[in-house]
């Protein structure tokens, strides 16, 4: 990137000090560009390692729950119904506690429909206030302030107006 004419020569009368300064700046520019490229690669590699580590940690915490579920399934084979129910409740509590520990929260479904956290599957005539949630088809969850899965709900529609009998 030195100053050159078409013949590849520097212009006559150019100052050698300027040429040296330009060459030094070009060298610094190339080094900074290389350093930045290395930085981007290192950050991407560290991010991938962090994600892999986070997944490994979560998997290690899920393994005991898998063990509990296997014990519950073994109890089914032995027809110990009370033990099966206890086992399934244990797995549910364990998984719910693990999710809560990792910042997962259930979305509240009482009150009015909120399109930011609820997904309306249908509306039904009801005595409840129009637009209020009257049934939950599937629970919703947030992770921090992000919606992981919206709550799938049934909302109240206006009650149908009574029809007048034909005379």
Foldseek 3Di string as FASTA:
>chain_A
DAQADPVRHHDPPDDVVVRVVVVVVVVVVVVVVVVVVVVVVVVVVVVVVVVVVVVVVLVVLCVVLVVLQVVLVVVVVVVPVVSNVVSVVVSVVSVVVSCVVQQKDWDDQFFFDDVQAEDEPEEDADPDDFRHFDAWPAIWIARHPHTPGHTYTYTHHHHDDDDDDDD
